[in-house]
Amino acid sequence: MTDAQMGLAVATPAIIVMALLLYRMGVLQKGGVATAVLMSLAIAVILFLEQ
């Protein structure tokens, strides 16, 4: 696993956790959380496979 892939493996869950925390605090709505999670996963998969 390259350094870039390791970074993606660490950053993607951090983004998802942050989105969930913001939802619990009332900052984000469900649609915003869903968008953040889906887009971060999609970007991570694409970049992970291109490495």
Protein backbone atom coordinates (compact mmCIF):
# COMPACT_ATOMS: atom_id res chain seq x y z
CA MET A 1 0.00 0.00 0.00
CA THR A 2 1.45 3.35 -1.04
CA ASP A 3 1.55 6.45 1.13
CA ALA A 4 -1.26 8.00 -0.90
CA GLN A 5 -3.48 4.97 -0.40
CA MET A 6 -2.71 4.97 3.32
CA GLY A 7 -3.70 8.62 3.48
CA LEU A 8 -6.99 7.85 1.76
CA ALA A 9 -7.63 5.00 4.19
CA VAL A 10 -7.17 7.41 7.09
CA ALA A 11 -8.83 10.54 5.68
CA THR A 12 -12.04 8.95 4.40
CA PRO A 13 -13.21 7.59 7.77
CA ALA A 14 -12.23 10.90 9.38
CA ILE A 15 -14.47 12.77 6.93
CA ILE A 16 -17.34 10.38 7.60
CA VAL A 17 -16.96 10.68 11.39
CA MET A 18 -16.83 14.47 11.13
CA ALA A 19 -20.00 14.53 9.03
CA LEU A 20 -21.79 12.35 11.58
CA LEU A 21 -20.63 14.54 14.45
CA LEU A 22 -21.83 17.66 12.63
CA TYR A 23 -25.19 15.96 12.09
CA ARG A 24 -25.48 15.12 15.79
CA MET A 25 -24.66 18.74 16.66
CA GLY A 26 -27.42 19.91 14.34
CA VAL A 27 -25.14 21.63 11.84
CA LEU A 28 -25.83 19.28 8.90
CA GLN A 29 -29.07 17.83 7.67
CA LYS A 30 -29.47 14.19 6.63
CA GLY A 31 -29.04 15.08 2.97
CA GLY A 32 -25.77 16.84 3.69
CA VAL A 33 -24.45 13.90 5.65
CA ALA A 34 -25.47 11.45 2.93
CA THR A 35 -23.81 13.59 0.28
CA ALA A 36 -20.60 13.98 2.28
CA VAL A 37 -20.37 10.26 2.99
CA LEU A 38 -21.19 9.11 -0.54
CA MET A 39 -18.89 11.61 -2.24
CA SER A 40 -15.98 10.92 0.09
CA LEU A 41 -16.37 7.19 -0.49
CA ALA A 42 -16.62 7.65 -4.25
CA ILE A 43 -13.54 9.88 -4.38
CA ALA A 44 -11.57 7.51 -2.15
CA VAL A 45 -12.44 4.48 -4.27
CA ILE A 46 -11.54 6.21 -7.53
CA LEU A 47 -8.25 7.58 -6.21
CA PHE A 48 -7.38 4.33 -4.44
CA LEU A 49 -7.84 2.30 -7.59
CA GLU A 50 -5.89 4.77 -9.76
CA GLN A 51 -2.80 4.60 -7.55
